[in-house]
Amino acid sequence: MTRKIKLTRANKSILLKALEPYYYREKALGHSTEKPGRLILKINALPADKKATFSTEEICLMRITINRLRNERLGKGQYTDAADDMLLKLF
């Protein structure tokens, strides 16, 4: 199943910031980085303020990584507005 999600410039930025550490952690552990790598390239290639189609698996990966970034920022006492906005779009 797929869903269309409109990504603003801020949404794209926060998604890429969330996916980057996940990609490098998986690479360091020797796991496959094909799926997160393709998702990073897909998000990076999208024009801002346009709707894009994402699979259930991609949405799940985005949700997990955004939530990790949000928890990390909460632990540091930083703002989580952009992460919260993106999480709402993924539910």
PDB file of N, CA and C in Angstrom:
ATOM      1  N   MET A   1       0.839  -1.174   0.000  1.00  0.00           N
ATOM      2  CA  MET A   1       0.000   0.000   0.000  1.00  0.00           C
ATOM      3  C   MET A   1       0.889   1.243   0.000  1.00  0.00           C
ATOM      4  N   THR A   2       0.459   2.258  -0.691  1.00  0.00           N
ATOM      5  CA  THR A   2       1.231   3.495  -0.757  1.00  0.00           C
ATOM      6  C   THR A   2       0.380   4.666  -0.279  1.00  0.00           C
ATOM      7  N   ARG A   3       1.068   5.730   0.110  1.00  0.00           N
ATOM      8  CA  ARG A   3       0.404   6.967   0.537  1.00  0.00           C
ATOM      9  C   ARG A   3       1.115   8.148  -0.075  1.00  0.00           C
ATOM     10  N   LYS A   4       0.344   9.187  -0.381  1.00  0.00           N
ATOM     11  CA  LYS A   4       0.929  10.429  -0.871  1.00  0.00           C
ATOM     12  C   LYS A   4       1.085  11.384   0.305  1.00  0.00           C
ATOM     13  N   ILE A   5       2.274  11.947   0.409  1.00  0.00           N
ATOM     14  CA  ILE A   5       2.578  12.876   1.496  1.00  0.00           C
ATOM     15  C   ILE A   5       3.214  14.118   0.890  1.00  0.00           C
ATOM     16  N   LYS A   6       2.721  15.284   1.292  1.00  0.00           N
ATOM     17  CA  LYS A   6       3.294  16.539   0.815  1.00  0.00           C
ATOM     18  C   LYS A   6       4.481  16.901   1.704  1.00  0.00           C
ATOM     19  N   LEU A   7       5.633  17.084   1.072  1.00  0.00           N
ATOM     20  CA  LEU A   7       6.845  17.418   1.816  1.00  0.00           C
ATOM     21  C   LEU A   7       7.242  18.867   1.560  1.00  0.00           C
ATOM     22  N   THR A   8       7.302  19.647   2.623  1.00  0.00           N
ATOM     23  CA  THR A   8       7.815  21.007   2.516  1.00  0.00           C
ATOM     24  C   THR A   8       9.342  20.952   2.575  1.00  0.00           C
ATOM     25  N   ARG A   9       9.973  22.078   2.381  1.00  0.00           N
ATOM     26  CA  ARG A   9      11.433  22.134   2.467  1.00  0.00           C
ATOM     27  C   ARG A   9      11.897  21.732   3.868  1.00  0.00           C
ATOM     28  N   ALA A  10      11.171  22.170   4.889  1.00  0.00           N
ATOM     29  CA  ALA A  10      11.522  21.823   6.275  1.00  0.00           C
ATOM     30  C   ALA A  10      11.348  20.323   6.520  1.00  0.00           C
ATOM     31  N   ASN A  11      10.283  19.731   5.956  1.00  0.00           N
ATOM     32  CA  ASN A  11      10.058  18.291   6.105  1.00  0.00           C
ATOM     33  C   ASN A  11      11.180  17.497   5.466  1.00  0.00           C
ATOM     34  N   LYS A  12      11.589  17.907   4.267  1.00  0.00           N
ATOM     35  CA  LYS A  12      12.691  17.221   3.587  1.00  0.00           C
ATOM     36  C   LYS A  12      13.960  17.290   4.423  1.00  0.00           C
ATOM     37  N   SER A  13      14.236  18.463   4.955  1.00  0.00           N
ATOM     38  CA  SER A  13      15.448  18.669   5.742  1.00  0.00           C
ATOM     39  C   SER A  13      15.464  17.787   6.989  1.00  0.00           C
ATOM     40  N   ILE A  14      14.358  17.753   7.716  1.00  0.00           N
ATOM     41  CA  ILE A  14      14.320  16.966   8.953  1.00  0.00           C
ATOM     42  C   ILE A  14      14.376  15.474   8.649  1.00  0.00           C
ATOM     43  N   LEU A  15      13.770  15.049   7.550  1.00  0.00           N
ATOM     44  CA  LEU A  15      13.841  13.636   7.171  1.00  0.00           C
ATOM     45  C   LEU A  15      15.273  13.229   6.851  1.00  0.00           C
ATOM     46  N   LEU A  16      15.971  14.067   6.106  1.00  0.00           N
ATOM     47  CA  LEU A  16      17.357  13.746   5.758  1.00  0.00           C
ATOM     48  C   LEU A  16      18.244  13.738   7.000  1.00  0.00           C
ATOM     49  N   LYS A  17      17.992  14.663   7.937  1.00  0.00           N
ATOM     50  CA  LYS A  17      18.763  14.687   9.186  1.00  0.00           C
ATOM     51  C   LYS A  17      18.497  13.444  10.031  1.00  0.00           C
ATOM     52  N   ALA A  18      17.288  12.919   9.949  1.00  0.00           N
ATOM     53  CA  ALA A  18      16.940  11.728  10.727  1.00  0.00           C
ATOM     54  C   ALA A  18      17.472  10.456  10.078  1.00  0.00           C
ATOM     55  N   LEU A  19      17.444  10.400   8.754  1.00  0.00           N
ATOM     56  CA  LEU A  19      17.864   9.189   8.046  1.00  0.00           C
ATOM     57  C   LEU A  19      19.383   9.023   7.995  1.00  0.00           C
ATOM     58  N   GLU A  20      20.118  10.130   8.023  1.00  0.00           N
ATOM     59  CA  GLU A  20      21.582  10.065   7.906  1.00  0.00           C
ATOM     60  C   GLU A  20      22.237   9.208   8.991  1.00  0.00           C
ATOM     61  N   PRO A  21      21.965   9.453  10.290  1.00  0.00           N
ATOM     62  CA  PRO A  21      22.615   8.612  11.311  1.00  0.00           C
ATOM     63  C   PRO A  21      22.196   7.146  11.216  1.00  0.00           C
ATOM     64  N   TYR A  22      20.949   6.903  10.834  1.00  0.00           N
ATOM     65  CA  TYR A  22      20.474   5.524  10.678  1.00  0.00           C
ATOM     66  C   TYR A  22      21.262   4.825   9.576  1.00  0.00           C
ATOM     67  N   TYR A  23      21.442   5.504   8.458  1.00  0.00           N
ATOM     68  CA  TYR A  23      22.179   4.935   7.322  1.00  0.00           C
ATOM     69  C   TYR A  23      23.609   4.576   7.734  1.00  0.00           C
ATOM     70  N   TYR A  24      24.301   5.515   8.370  1.00  0.00           N
ATOM     71  CA  TYR A  24      25.696   5.276   8.747  1.00  0.00           C
ATOM     72  C   TYR A  24      25.832   4.221   9.850  1.00  0.00           C
ATOM     73  N   ARG A  25      24.862   4.152  10.760  1.00  0.00           N
ATOM     74  CA  ARG A  25      24.893   3.126  11.803  1.00  0.00           C
ATOM     75  C   ARG A  25      24.716   1.740  11.185  1.00  0.00           C
ATOM     76  N   GLU A  26      23.782   1.616  10.250  1.00  0.00           N
ATOM     77  CA  GLU A  26      23.566   0.332   9.575  1.00  0.00           C
ATOM     78  C   GLU A  26      24.800  -0.068   8.766  1.00  0.00           C
ATOM     79  N   LYS A  27      25.432   0.891   8.125  1.00  0.00           N
ATOM     80  CA  LYS A  27      26.635   0.631   7.329  1.00  0.00           C
ATOM     81  C   LYS A  27      27.774   0.165   8.233  1.00  0.00           C
ATOM     82  N   ALA A  28      27.933   0.816   9.387  1.00  0.00           N
ATOM     83  CA  ALA A  28      29.000   0.447  10.322  1.00  0.00           C
ATOM     84  C   ALA A  28      28.789  -0.952  10.894  1.00  0.00           C
ATOM     85  N   LEU A  29      27.539  -1.347  11.054  1.00  0.00           N
ATOM     86  CA  LEU A  29      27.228  -2.672  11.586  1.00  0.00           C
ATOM     87  C   LEU A  29      27.296  -3.756  10.518  1.00  0.00           C
ATOM     88  N   GLY A  30      27.498  -3.350   9.276  1.00  0.00           N
ATOM     89  CA  GLY A  30      27.605  -4.316   8.186  1.00  0.00           C
ATOM     90  C   GLY A  30      26.268  -4.766   7.628  1.00  0.00           C
ATOM     91  N   HIS A  31      25.197  -4.060   7.981  1.00  0.00           N
ATOM     92  CA  HIS A  31      23.872  -4.396   7.471  1.00  0.00           C
ATOM     93  C   HIS A  31      23.648  -3.741   6.112  1.00  0.00           C
ATOM     94  N   SER A  32      22.632  -4.182   5.425  1.00  0.00           N
ATOM     95  CA  SER A  32      22.300  -3.626   4.114  1.00  0.00           C
ATOM     96  C   SER A  32      21.834  -2.176   4.261  1.00  0.00           C
ATOM     97  N   THR A  33      22.368  -1.312   3.422  1.00  0.00           N
ATOM     98  CA  THR A  33      21.967   0.097   3.437  1.00  0.00           C
ATOM     99  C   THR A  33      21.224   0.466   2.158  1.00  0.00           C
ATOM    100  N   GLU A  34      20.786  -0.538   1.418  1.00  0.00           N
ATOM    101  CA  GLU A  34      20.126  -0.277   0.139  1.00  0.00           C
ATOM    102  C   GLU A  34      18.810   0.488   0.320  1.00  0.00           C
ATOM    103  N   LYS A  35      17.953   0.026   1.227  1.00  0.00           N
ATOM    104  CA  LYS A  35      16.640   0.659   1.405  1.00  0.00           C
ATOM    105  C   LYS A  35      16.740   2.073   1.977  1.00  0.00           C
ATOM    106  N   PRO A  36      17.504   2.282   3.058  1.00  0.00           N
ATOM    107  CA  PRO A  36      17.616   3.665   3.534  1.00  0.00           C
ATOM    108  C   PRO A  36      18.337   4.562   2.531  1.00  0.00           C
ATOM    109  N   GLY A  37      19.301   4.007   1.808  1.00  0.00           N
ATOM    110  CA  GLY A  37      20.013   4.790   0.801  1.00  0.00           C
ATOM    111  C   GLY A  37      19.101   5.237  -0.322  1.00  0.00           C
ATOM    112  N   ARG A  38      18.255   4.333  -0.787  1.00  0.00           N
ATOM    113  CA  ARG A  38      17.295   4.688  -1.846  1.00  0.00           C
ATOM    114  C   ARG A  38      16.298   5.727  -1.364  1.00  0.00           C
ATOM    115  N   LEU A  39      15.856   5.594  -0.113  1.00  0.00           N
ATOM    116  CA  LEU A  39      14.908   6.555   0.443  1.00  0.00           C
ATOM    117  C   LEU A  39      15.549   7.936   0.564  1.00  0.00           C
ATOM    118  N   ILE A  40      16.791   7.995   0.991  1.00  0.00           N
ATOM    119  CA  ILE A  40      17.508   9.271   1.089  1.00  0.00           C
ATOM    120  C   ILE A  40      17.607   9.921  -0.287  1.00  0.00           C
ATOM    121  N   LEU A  41      17.985   9.141  -1.293  1.00  0.00           N
ATOM    122  CA  LEU A  41      18.089   9.680  -2.651  1.00  0.00           C
ATOM    123  C   LEU A  41      16.732  10.132  -3.182  1.00  0.00           C
ATOM    124  N   LYS A  42      15.692   9.380  -2.875  1.00  0.00           N
ATOM    125  CA  LYS A  42      14.339   9.725  -3.328  1.00  0.00           C
ATOM    126  C   LYS A  42      13.890  11.049  -2.716  1.00  0.00           C
ATOM    127  N   ILE A  43      14.082  11.199  -1.412  1.00  0.00           N
ATOM    128  CA  ILE A  43      13.672  12.423  -0.722  1.00  0.00           C
ATOM    129  C   ILE A  43      14.487  13.610  -1.214  1.00  0.00           C
ATOM    130  N   ASN A  44      15.779  13.407  -1.392  1.00  0.00           N
ATOM    131  CA  ASN A  44      16.655  14.484  -1.848  1.00  0.00           C
ATOM    132  C   ASN A  44      16.275  14.961  -3.247  1.00  0.00           C
ATOM    133  N   ALA A  45      15.808  14.053  -4.105  1.00  0.00           N
ATOM    134  CA  ALA A  45      15.477  14.399  -5.488  1.00  0.00           C
ATOM    135  C   ALA A  45      14.109  15.069  -5.622  1.00  0.00           C
ATOM    136  N   LEU A  46      13.284  15.002  -4.590  1.00  0.00           N
ATOM    137  CA  LEU A  46      11.934  15.558  -4.675  1.00  0.00           C
ATOM    138  C   LEU A  46      11.952  17.080  -4.638  1.00  0.00           C
ATOM    139  N   PRO A  47      11.104  17.712  -5.452  1.00  0.00           N
ATOM    140  CA  PRO A  47      10.964  19.168  -5.336  1.00  0.00           C
ATOM    141  C   PRO A  47      10.180  19.506  -4.064  1.00  0.00           C
ATOM    142  N   ALA A  48      10.478  20.646  -3.482  1.00  0.00           N
ATOM    143  CA  ALA A  48       9.800  21.054  -2.247  1.00  0.00           C
ATOM    144  C   ALA A  48       8.341  21.386  -2.531  1.00  0.00           C
ATOM    145  N   ASP A  49       7.501  21.196  -1.536  1.00  0.00           N
ATOM    146  CA  ASP A  49       6.069  21.503  -1.591  1.00  0.00           C
ATOM    147  C   ASP A  49       5.305  20.717  -2.647  1.00  0.00           C
ATOM    148  N   LYS A  50       5.752  19.519  -2.927  1.00  0.00           N
ATOM    149  CA  LYS A  50       5.049  18.629  -3.857  1.00  0.00           C
ATOM    150  C   LYS A  50       4.699  17.345  -3.120  1.00  0.00           C
ATOM    151  N   LYS A  51       3.638  16.689  -3.574  1.00  0.00           N
ATOM    152  CA  LYS A  51       3.264  15.401  -2.984  1.00  0.00           C
ATOM    153  C   LYS A  51       4.110  14.302  -3.587  1.00  0.00           C
ATOM    154  N   ALA A  52       4.479  13.362  -2.748  1.00  0.00           N
ATOM    155  CA  ALA A  52       5.268  12.215  -3.194  1.00  0.00           C
ATOM    156  C   ALA A  52       4.612  10.948  -2.660  1.00  0.00           C
ATOM    157  N   THR A  53       4.777   9.869  -3.404  1.00  0.00           N
ATOM    158  CA  THR A  53       4.205   8.586  -3.015  1.00  0.00           C
ATOM    159  C   THR A  53       5.259   7.755  -2.298  1.00  0.00           C
ATOM    160  N   PHE A  54       4.886   7.248  -1.117  1.00  0.00           N
ATOM    161  CA  PHE A  54       5.788   6.422  -0.322  1.00  0.00           C
ATOM    162  C   PHE A  54       5.105   5.105   0.021  1.00  0.00           C
ATOM    163  N   SER A  55       5.888   4.044   0.034  1.00  0.00           N
ATOM    164  CA  SER A  55       5.363   2.726   0.403  1.00  0.00           C
ATOM    165  C   SER A  55       5.222   2.647   1.920  1.00  0.00           C
ATOM    166  N   THR A  56       4.510   1.646   2.371  1.00  0.00           N
ATOM    167  CA  THR A  56       4.322   1.431   3.806  1.00  0.00           C
ATOM    168  C   THR A  56       5.665   1.211   4.496  1.00  0.00           C
ATOM    169  N   GLU A  57       6.547   0.476   3.840  1.00  0.00           N
ATOM    170  CA  GLU A  57       7.878   0.211   4.402  1.00  0.00           C
ATOM    171  C   GLU A  57       8.689   1.502   4.539  1.00  0.00           C
ATOM    172  N   GLU A  58       8.612   2.374   3.530  1.00  0.00           N
ATOM    173  CA  GLU A  58       9.330   3.650   3.590  1.00  0.00           C
ATOM    174  C   GLU A  58       8.766   4.530   4.697  1.00  0.00           C
ATOM    175  N   ILE A  59       7.458   4.558   4.837  1.00  0.00           N
ATOM    176  CA  ILE A  59       6.824   5.363   5.885  1.00  0.00           C
ATOM    177  C   ILE A  59       7.227   4.851   7.264  1.00  0.00           C
ATOM    178  N   CYS A  60       7.275   3.546   7.417  1.00  0.00           N
ATOM    179  CA  CYS A  60       7.688   2.948   8.693  1.00  0.00           C
ATOM    180  C   CYS A  60       9.125   3.347   9.034  1.00  0.00           C
ATOM    181  N   LEU A  61      10.020   3.284   8.060  1.00  0.00           N
ATOM    182  CA  LEU A  61      11.416   3.666   8.276  1.00  0.00           C
ATOM    183  C   LEU A  61      11.525   5.151   8.623  1.00  0.00           C
ATOM    184  N   MET A  62      10.763   5.995   7.925  1.00  0.00           N
ATOM    185  CA  MET A  62      10.778   7.429   8.223  1.00  0.00           C
ATOM    186  C   MET A  62      10.256   7.685   9.630  1.00  0.00           C
ATOM    187  N   ARG A  63       9.197   7.004  10.018  1.00  0.00           N
ATOM    188  CA  ARG A  63       8.604   7.185  11.341  1.00  0.00           C
ATOM    189  C   ARG A  63       9.598   6.806  12.441  1.00  0.00           C
ATOM    190  N   ILE A  64      10.278   5.684  12.261  1.00  0.00           N
ATOM    191  CA  ILE A  64      11.253   5.222  13.255  1.00  0.00           C
ATOM    192  C   ILE A  64      12.403   6.219  13.399  1.00  0.00           C
ATOM    193  N   THR A  65      12.950   6.673  12.271  1.00  0.00           N
ATOM    194  CA  THR A  65      14.109   7.566  12.334  1.00  0.00           C
ATOM    195  C   THR A  65      13.734   8.950  12.851  1.00  0.00           C
ATOM    196  N   ILE A  66      12.566   9.462  12.462  1.00  0.00           N
ATOM    197  CA  ILE A  66      12.118  10.767  12.970  1.00  0.00           C
ATOM    198  C   ILE A  66      11.882  10.683  14.479  1.00  0.00           C
ATOM    199  N   ASN A  67      11.307   9.594  14.935  1.00  0.00           N
ATOM    200  CA  ASN A  67      11.058   9.427  16.369  1.00  0.00           C
ATOM    201  C   ASN A  67      12.369   9.364  17.149  1.00  0.00           C
ATOM    202  N   ARG A  68      13.376   8.674  16.598  1.00  0.00           N
ATOM    203  CA  ARG A  68      14.696   8.624  17.257  1.00  0.00           C
ATOM    204  C   ARG A  68      15.307  10.017  17.352  1.00  0.00           C
ATOM    205  N   LEU A  69      15.212  10.786  16.255  1.00  0.00           N
ATOM    206  CA  LEU A  69      15.746  12.147  16.251  1.00  0.00           C
ATOM    207  C   LEU A  69      15.007  13.005  17.273  1.00  0.00           C
ATOM    208  N   ARG A  70      13.694  12.861  17.330  1.00  0.00           N
ATOM    209  CA  ARG A  70      12.882  13.624  18.276  1.00  0.00           C
ATOM    210  C   ARG A  70      13.280  13.298  19.716  1.00  0.00           C
ATOM    211  N   ASN A  71      13.424  12.012  20.017  1.00  0.00           N
ATOM    212  CA  ASN A  71      13.814  11.605  21.372  1.00  0.00           C
ATOM    213  C   ASN A  71      15.202  12.123  21.733  1.00  0.00           C
ATOM    214  N   GLU A  72      16.109  12.096  20.765  1.00  0.00           N
ATOM    215  CA  GLU A  72      17.466  12.607  20.989  1.00  0.00           C
ATOM    216  C   GLU A  72      17.429  14.095  21.308  1.00  0.00           C
ATOM    217  N   ARG A  73      16.634  14.845  20.547  1.00  0.00           N
ATOM    218  CA  ARG A  73      16.536  16.288  20.778  1.00  0.00           C
ATOM    219  C   ARG A  73      15.842  16.605  22.101  1.00  0.00           C
ATOM    220  N   LEU A  74      14.833  15.828  22.450  1.00  0.00           N
ATOM    221  CA  LEU A  74      14.171  16.031  23.742  1.00  0.00           C
ATOM    222  C   LEU A  74      15.152  15.802  24.887  1.00  0.00           C
ATOM    223  N   GLY A  75      16.000  14.797  24.740  1.00  0.00           N
ATOM    224  CA  GLY A  75      17.005  14.502  25.760  1.00  0.00           C
ATOM    225  C   GLY A  75      18.005  15.628  25.947  1.00  0.00           C
ATOM    226  N   LYS A  76      18.265  16.359  24.869  1.00  0.00           N
ATOM    227  CA  LYS A  76      19.202  17.483  24.923  1.00  0.00           C
ATOM    228  C   LYS A  76      18.506  18.794  25.274  1.00  0.00           C
ATOM    229  N   GLY A  77      17.180  18.766  25.387  1.00  0.00           N
ATOM    230  CA  GLY A  77      16.434  19.983  25.697  1.00  0.00           C
ATOM    231  C   GLY A  77      16.270  20.904  24.504  1.00  0.00           C
ATOM    232  N   GLN A  78      16.341  20.366  23.298  1.00  0.00           N
ATOM    233  CA  GLN A  78      16.208  21.172  22.083  1.00  0.00           C
ATOM    234  C   GLN A  78      14.765  21.145  21.581  1.00  0.00           C
ATOM    235  N   TYR A  79      14.480  22.041  20.634  1.00  0.00           N
ATOM    236  CA  TYR A  79      13.150  22.105  20.041  1.00  0.00           C
ATOM    237  C   TYR A  79      12.891  20.898  19.148  1.00  0.00           C
ATOM    238  N   THR A  80      11.641  20.457  19.124  1.00  0.00           N
ATOM    239  CA  THR A  80      11.264  19.296  18.303  1.00  0.00           C
ATOM    240  C   THR A  80      10.108  19.626  17.359  1.00  0.00           C
ATOM    241  N   ASP A  81       9.864  20.902  17.103  1.00  0.00           N
ATOM    242  CA  ASP A  81       8.716  21.305  16.292  1.00  0.00           C
ATOM    243  C   ASP A  81       8.724  20.675  14.904  1.00  0.00           C
ATOM    244  N   ALA A  82       9.859  20.699  14.221  1.00  0.00           N
ATOM    245  CA  ALA A  82       9.940  20.150  12.862  1.00  0.00           C
ATOM    246  C   ALA A  82       9.729  18.639  12.868  1.00  0.00           C
ATOM    247  N   ALA A  83      10.301  17.962  13.847  1.00  0.00           N
ATOM    248  CA  ALA A  83      10.129  16.510  13.949  1.00  0.00           C
ATOM    249  C   ALA A  83       8.678  16.171  14.275  1.00  0.00           C
ATOM    250  N   ASP A  84       8.059  16.941  15.152  1.00  0.00           N
ATOM    251  CA  ASP A  84       6.654  16.710  15.499  1.00  0.00           C
ATOM    252  C   ASP A  84       5.758  16.885  14.278  1.00  0.00           C
ATOM    253  N   ASP A  85       6.006  17.930  13.505  1.00  0.00           N
ATOM    254  CA  ASP A  85       5.225  18.188  12.293  1.00  0.00           C
ATOM    255  C   ASP A  85       5.347  17.030  11.307  1.00  0.00           C
ATOM    256  N   MET A  86       6.558  16.535  11.126  1.00  0.00           N
ATOM    257  CA  MET A  86       6.768  15.437  10.183  1.00  0.00           C
ATOM    258  C   MET A  86       6.132  14.152  10.698  1.00  0.00           C
ATOM    259  N   LEU A  87       6.223  13.892  11.997  1.00  0.00           N
ATOM    260  CA  LEU A  87       5.595  12.692  12.562  1.00  0.00           C
ATOM    261  C   LEU A  87       4.082  12.699  12.349  1.00  0.00           C
ATOM    262  N   LEU A  88       3.461  13.867  12.493  1.00  0.00           N
ATOM    263  CA  LEU A  88       2.014  13.960  12.277  1.00  0.00           C
ATOM    264  C   LEU A  88       1.639  13.604  10.844  1.00  0.00           C
ATOM    265  N   LYS A  89       2.482  13.961   9.895  1.00  0.00           N
ATOM    266  CA  LYS A  89       2.207  13.634   8.494  1.00  0.00           C
ATOM    267  C   LYS A  89       2.344  12.142   8.219  1.00  0.00           C
ATOM    268  N   LEU A  90       3.131  11.455   9.031  1.00  0.00           N
ATOM    269  CA  LEU A  90       3.384  10.033   8.796  1.00  0.00           C
ATOM    270  C   LEU A  90       2.345   9.128   9.447  1.00  0.00           C
ATOM    271  N   PHE A  91       1.476   9.678  10.298  1.00  0.00           N
ATOM    272  CA  PHE A  91       0.442   8.851  10.937  1.00  0.00           C
ATOM    273  C   PHE A  91      -0.866   8.972  10.213  1.00  0.00           C
TER     274      PHE A  91
END
